[in-house]
Amino acid sequence: MSIEDLKDQGILLPEKEWGEHNLTTTVSKIPIFLLFIFSVLGCLLTFLGEGKFWTWIGIILFFCSFFGVIILCDRAIVNQRKRTKREKQEIETSES
């Protein structure tokens, strides 16, 4: 996709706001790291379980960590939207 396509679909910020917002991540680093460790552990248990009890524990652990990452990233997106909206309001009040 080109920048023009993104502008037409309303995905990009207006050009006057470029460079005005904080670009640091809103994803919590410790929980995402723990979820990564749990997913790797789930994969190892699945492999080493040889189709028995520990295989199913590994599959469940992997899927729980997978959905945990989805939930964590969704919360980060919501927080990023709130932060961008707050920064936009601060910019508008400082210009007035």
N, C-alpha and C. Protein backbone atom coordinates (compact mmCIF):
# COMPACT_ATOMS: atom_id res chain seq x y z
N MET A 1 0.84 -1.19 0.00
CA MET A 1 0.00 0.00 0.00
C MET A 1 0.89 1.25 0.00
N SER A 2 0.41 2.24 -0.67
CA SER A 2 1.14 3.50 -0.70
C SER A 2 0.63 4.41 0.42
N ILE A 3 1.36 5.46 0.68
CA ILE A 3 0.96 6.43 1.70
C ILE A 3 -0.36 7.08 1.31
N GLU A 4 -0.57 7.30 0.03
CA GLU A 4 -1.83 7.90 -0.42
C GLU A 4 -3.01 6.99 -0.10
N ASP A 5 -2.83 5.67 -0.28
CA ASP A 5 -3.90 4.72 0.05
C ASP A 5 -4.22 4.76 1.54
N LEU A 6 -3.17 4.83 2.36
CA LEU A 6 -3.38 4.89 3.81
C LEU A 6 -4.07 6.19 4.22
N LYS A 7 -3.71 7.29 3.57
CA LYS A 7 -4.37 8.57 3.86
C LYS A 7 -5.84 8.51 3.46
N ASP A 8 -6.13 7.94 2.30
CA ASP A 8 -7.51 7.85 1.82
C ASP A 8 -8.38 7.02 2.76
N GLN A 9 -7.80 5.99 3.38
CA GLN A 9 -8.57 5.13 4.26
C GLN A 9 -8.62 5.65 5.70
N GLY A 10 -7.93 6.76 5.97
CA GLY A 10 -7.96 7.35 7.30
C GLY A 10 -7.13 6.62 8.33
N ILE A 11 -6.14 5.86 7.90
CA ILE A 11 -5.31 5.10 8.82
C ILE A 11 -4.20 5.96 9.42
N LEU A 12 -3.66 6.87 8.64
CA LEU A 12 -2.56 7.70 9.09
C LEU A 12 -3.06 8.91 9.87
N LEU A 13 -2.19 9.40 10.75
CA LEU A 13 -2.48 10.66 11.43
C LEU A 13 -2.41 11.79 10.40
N PRO A 14 -3.09 12.88 10.65
CA PRO A 14 -2.93 14.03 9.75
C PRO A 14 -1.46 14.49 9.76
N GLU A 15 -1.01 15.01 8.63
CA GLU A 15 0.41 15.38 8.50
C GLU A 15 0.83 16.42 9.52
N LYS A 16 -0.08 17.29 9.95
CA LYS A 16 0.31 18.31 10.94
C LYS A 16 0.63 17.69 12.30
N GLU A 17 0.19 16.45 12.53
CA GLU A 17 0.47 15.77 13.80
C GLU A 17 1.67 14.84 13.73
N TRP A 18 2.29 14.71 12.57
CA TRP A 18 3.45 13.84 12.44
C TRP A 18 4.58 14.39 13.30
N GLY A 19 5.21 13.54 14.06
CA GLY A 19 6.32 13.94 14.92
C GLY A 19 5.89 14.57 16.23
N GLU A 20 4.59 14.68 16.47
CA GLU A 20 4.08 15.31 17.68
C GLU A 20 3.75 14.32 18.78
N HIS A 21 3.68 13.04 18.47
CA HIS A 21 3.23 12.04 19.43
C HIS A 21 4.38 11.15 19.89
N ASN A 22 4.25 10.65 21.10
CA ASN A 22 5.22 9.75 21.69
C ASN A 22 5.13 8.40 20.99
N LEU A 23 6.26 7.86 20.55
CA LEU A 23 6.25 6.62 19.79
C LEU A 23 6.73 5.41 20.59
N THR A 24 6.89 5.56 21.90
CA THR A 24 7.31 4.41 22.70
C THR A 24 6.17 3.41 22.80
N THR A 25 6.53 2.16 22.97
CA THR A 25 5.53 1.10 23.01
C THR A 25 4.71 1.15 24.29
N THR A 26 3.49 0.70 24.20
CA THR A 26 2.63 0.61 25.39
C THR A 26 2.46 -0.84 25.83
N VAL A 27 3.20 -1.76 25.19
CA VAL A 27 3.16 -3.17 25.59
C VAL A 27 4.05 -3.35 26.81
N SER A 28 3.52 -3.97 27.85
CA SER A 28 4.30 -4.22 29.06
C SER A 28 5.38 -5.25 28.75
N LYS A 29 6.61 -4.94 29.12
CA LYS A 29 7.74 -5.78 28.72
C LYS A 29 7.81 -7.08 29.52
N ILE A 30 7.58 -7.04 30.82
CA ILE A 30 7.69 -8.26 31.64
C ILE A 30 6.60 -9.27 31.28
N PRO A 31 5.32 -8.87 31.19
CA PRO A 31 4.30 -9.87 30.80
C PRO A 31 4.52 -10.46 29.41
N ILE A 32 4.97 -9.66 28.45
CA ILE A 32 5.18 -10.20 27.11
C ILE A 32 6.35 -11.18 27.12
N PHE A 33 7.37 -10.90 27.93
CA PHE A 33 8.50 -11.82 28.05
C PHE A 33 8.06 -13.14 28.71
N LEU A 34 7.26 -13.04 29.77
CA LEU A 34 6.76 -14.24 30.43
C LEU A 34 5.88 -15.07 29.49
N LEU A 35 5.04 -14.41 28.73
CA LEU A 35 4.20 -15.13 27.77
C LEU A 35 5.05 -15.82 26.70
N PHE A 36 6.13 -15.18 26.30
CA PHE A 36 7.05 -15.81 25.35
C PHE A 36 7.67 -17.07 25.95
N ILE A 37 8.13 -16.97 27.20
CA ILE A 37 8.73 -18.12 27.87
C ILE A 37 7.71 -19.25 27.99
N PHE A 38 6.46 -18.92 28.36
CA PHE A 38 5.42 -19.94 28.48
C PHE A 38 5.12 -20.60 27.14
N SER A 39 5.14 -19.82 26.07
CA SER A 39 4.86 -20.41 24.76
C SER A 39 5.98 -21.36 24.33
N VAL A 40 7.23 -20.98 24.60
CA VAL A 40 8.35 -21.88 24.28
C VAL A 40 8.27 -23.14 25.13
N LEU A 41 7.95 -22.98 26.42
CA LEU A 41 7.80 -24.13 27.30
C LEU A 41 6.66 -25.04 26.81
N GLY A 42 5.57 -24.44 26.35
CA GLY A 42 4.47 -25.22 25.81
C GLY A 42 4.88 -26.02 24.59
N CYS A 43 5.67 -25.41 23.72
CA CYS A 43 6.16 -26.13 22.53
C CYS A 43 7.07 -27.28 22.92
N LEU A 44 7.95 -27.04 23.89
CA LEU A 44 8.85 -28.11 24.34
C LEU A 44 8.08 -29.25 24.98
N LEU A 45 7.09 -28.92 25.81
CA LEU A 45 6.29 -29.97 26.43
C LEU A 45 5.51 -30.76 25.39
N THR A 46 5.02 -30.07 24.38
CA THR A 46 4.29 -30.75 23.31
C THR A 46 5.20 -31.74 22.58
N PHE A 47 6.41 -31.32 22.32
CA PHE A 47 7.36 -32.19 21.61
C PHE A 47 7.82 -33.35 22.50
N LEU A 48 8.18 -33.03 23.73
CA LEU A 48 8.75 -34.05 24.62
C LEU A 48 7.69 -34.98 25.21
N GLY A 49 6.43 -34.59 25.15
CA GLY A 49 5.36 -35.41 25.73
C GLY A 49 5.03 -36.66 24.96
N GLU A 50 5.49 -36.74 23.73
CA GLU A 50 5.30 -37.92 22.88
C GLU A 50 3.83 -38.34 22.77
N GLY A 51 2.95 -37.38 22.70
CA GLY A 51 1.53 -37.68 22.50
C GLY A 51 0.78 -38.07 23.75
N LYS A 52 1.42 -38.00 24.89
CA LYS A 52 0.77 -38.40 26.13
C LYS A 52 0.32 -37.18 26.91
N PHE A 53 0.21 -37.32 28.22
CA PHE A 53 -0.33 -36.29 29.10
C PHE A 53 0.39 -34.95 28.94
N TRP A 54 1.73 -34.94 28.94
CA TRP A 54 2.47 -33.68 28.87
C TRP A 54 2.32 -32.99 27.52
N THR A 55 2.00 -33.74 26.50
CA THR A 55 1.73 -33.12 25.20
C THR A 55 0.50 -32.22 25.30
N TRP A 56 -0.54 -32.73 25.93
CA TRP A 56 -1.76 -31.94 26.07
C TRP A 56 -1.57 -30.75 26.99
N ILE A 57 -0.78 -30.91 28.03
CA ILE A 57 -0.46 -29.77 28.90
C ILE A 57 0.30 -28.72 28.10
N GLY A 58 1.24 -29.15 27.26
CA GLY A 58 1.99 -28.22 26.42
C GLY A 58 1.11 -27.48 25.42
N ILE A 59 0.17 -28.20 24.83
CA ILE A 59 -0.75 -27.57 23.87
C ILE A 59 -1.61 -26.52 24.58
N ILE A 60 -2.13 -26.88 25.74
CA ILE A 60 -2.96 -25.93 26.50
C ILE A 60 -2.13 -24.72 26.91
N LEU A 61 -0.90 -24.94 27.39
CA LEU A 61 -0.04 -23.84 27.79
C LEU A 61 0.28 -22.93 26.60
N PHE A 62 0.56 -23.53 25.45
CA PHE A 62 0.86 -22.72 24.27
C PHE A 62 -0.33 -21.86 23.87
N PHE A 63 -1.51 -22.46 23.81
CA PHE A 63 -2.69 -21.69 23.40
C PHE A 63 -3.05 -20.61 24.41
N CYS A 64 -2.88 -20.89 25.69
CA CYS A 64 -3.14 -19.86 26.71
C CYS A 64 -2.17 -18.69 26.55
N SER A 65 -0.90 -18.98 26.30
CA SER A 65 0.07 -17.90 26.10
C SER A 65 -0.20 -17.17 24.79
N PHE A 66 -0.64 -17.89 23.76
CA PHE A 66 -0.97 -17.27 22.48
C PHE A 66 -2.10 -16.25 22.64
N PHE A 67 -3.17 -16.68 23.32
CA PHE A 67 -4.28 -15.75 23.53
C PHE A 67 -3.92 -14.66 24.53
N GLY A 68 -3.01 -14.96 25.44
CA GLY A 68 -2.51 -13.93 26.35
C GLY A 68 -1.79 -12.82 25.61
N VAL A 69 -1.00 -13.19 24.60
CA VAL A 69 -0.31 -12.19 23.79
C VAL A 69 -1.33 -11.34 23.03
N ILE A 70 -2.35 -11.97 22.50
CA ILE A 70 -3.39 -11.22 21.78
C ILE A 70 -4.08 -10.22 22.71
N ILE A 71 -4.44 -10.66 23.90
CA ILE A 71 -5.11 -9.77 24.86
C ILE A 71 -4.18 -8.65 25.28
N LEU A 72 -2.92 -8.97 25.57
CA LEU A 72 -1.95 -7.96 25.99
C LEU A 72 -1.73 -6.91 24.91
N CYS A 73 -1.60 -7.35 23.66
CA CYS A 73 -1.40 -6.41 22.56
C CYS A 73 -2.64 -5.57 22.29
N ASP A 74 -3.82 -6.17 22.47
CA ASP A 74 -5.05 -5.40 22.30
C ASP A 74 -5.15 -4.30 23.35
N ARG A 75 -4.80 -4.62 24.58
CA ARG A 75 -4.80 -3.60 25.64
C ARG A 75 -3.79 -2.50 25.33
N ALA A 76 -2.64 -2.88 24.76
CA ALA A 76 -1.63 -1.88 24.40
C ALA A 76 -2.14 -0.96 23.31
N ILE A 77 -2.90 -1.50 22.35
CA ILE A 77 -3.46 -0.66 21.28
C ILE A 77 -4.47 0.32 21.86
N VAL A 78 -5.30 -0.14 22.78
CA VAL A 78 -6.27 0.75 23.43
C VAL A 78 -5.54 1.86 24.18
N ASN A 79 -4.49 1.50 24.92
CA ASN A 79 -3.72 2.51 25.65
C ASN A 79 -3.04 3.50 24.71
N GLN A 80 -2.56 3.01 23.57
CA GLN A 80 -1.93 3.90 22.59
C GLN A 80 -2.95 4.88 22.01
N ARG A 81 -4.15 4.40 21.74
CA ARG A 81 -5.20 5.30 21.24
C ARG A 81 -5.53 6.37 22.25
N LYS A 82 -5.64 5.99 23.52
CA LYS A 82 -5.94 6.97 24.58
C LYS A 82 -4.82 8.00 24.68
N ARG A 83 -3.57 7.52 24.62
CA ARG A 83 -2.43 8.43 24.73
C ARG A 83 -2.39 9.40 23.54
N THR A 84 -2.64 8.89 22.33
CA THR A 84 -2.63 9.75 21.16
C THR A 84 -3.75 10.78 21.23
N LYS A 85 -4.93 10.36 21.69
CA LYS A 85 -6.05 11.30 21.82
C LYS A 85 -5.73 12.38 22.86
N ARG A 86 -5.12 11.96 23.98
CA ARG A 86 -4.76 12.92 25.03
C ARG A 86 -3.71 13.90 24.52
N GLU A 87 -2.70 13.40 23.80
CA GLU A 87 -1.67 14.28 23.26
C GLU A 87 -2.26 15.24 22.23
N LYS A 88 -3.22 14.76 21.44
CA LYS A 88 -3.85 15.62 20.44
C LYS A 88 -4.62 16.75 21.12
N GLN A 89 -5.31 16.43 22.22
CA GLN A 89 -6.03 17.47 22.96
C GLN A 89 -5.07 18.47 23.57
N GLU A 90 -3.93 17.98 24.08
CA GLU A 90 -2.93 18.90 24.66
C GLU A 90 -2.37 19.83 23.60
N ILE A 91 -2.15 19.31 22.39
CA ILE A 91 -1.64 20.13 21.29
C ILE A 91 -2.67 21.19 20.92
N GLU A 92 -3.95 20.79 20.83
CA GLU A 92 -5.00 21.74 20.47
C GLU A 92 -5.18 22.82 21.53
N THR A 93 -5.06 22.47 22.80
CA THR A 93 -5.22 23.48 23.86
C THR A 93 -4.01 24.42 23.92
N SER A 94 -2.83 23.91 23.59
CA SER A 94 -1.65 24.78 23.61
C SER A 94 -1.66 25.73 22.43
N GLU A 95 -2.30 25.36 21.32
CA GLU A 95 -2.39 26.24 20.15
C GLU A 95 -3.44 27.33 20.34
N SER A 96 -4.40 27.08 21.21
CA SER A 96 -5.48 28.06 21.41
C SER A 96 -5.07 29.22 22.27
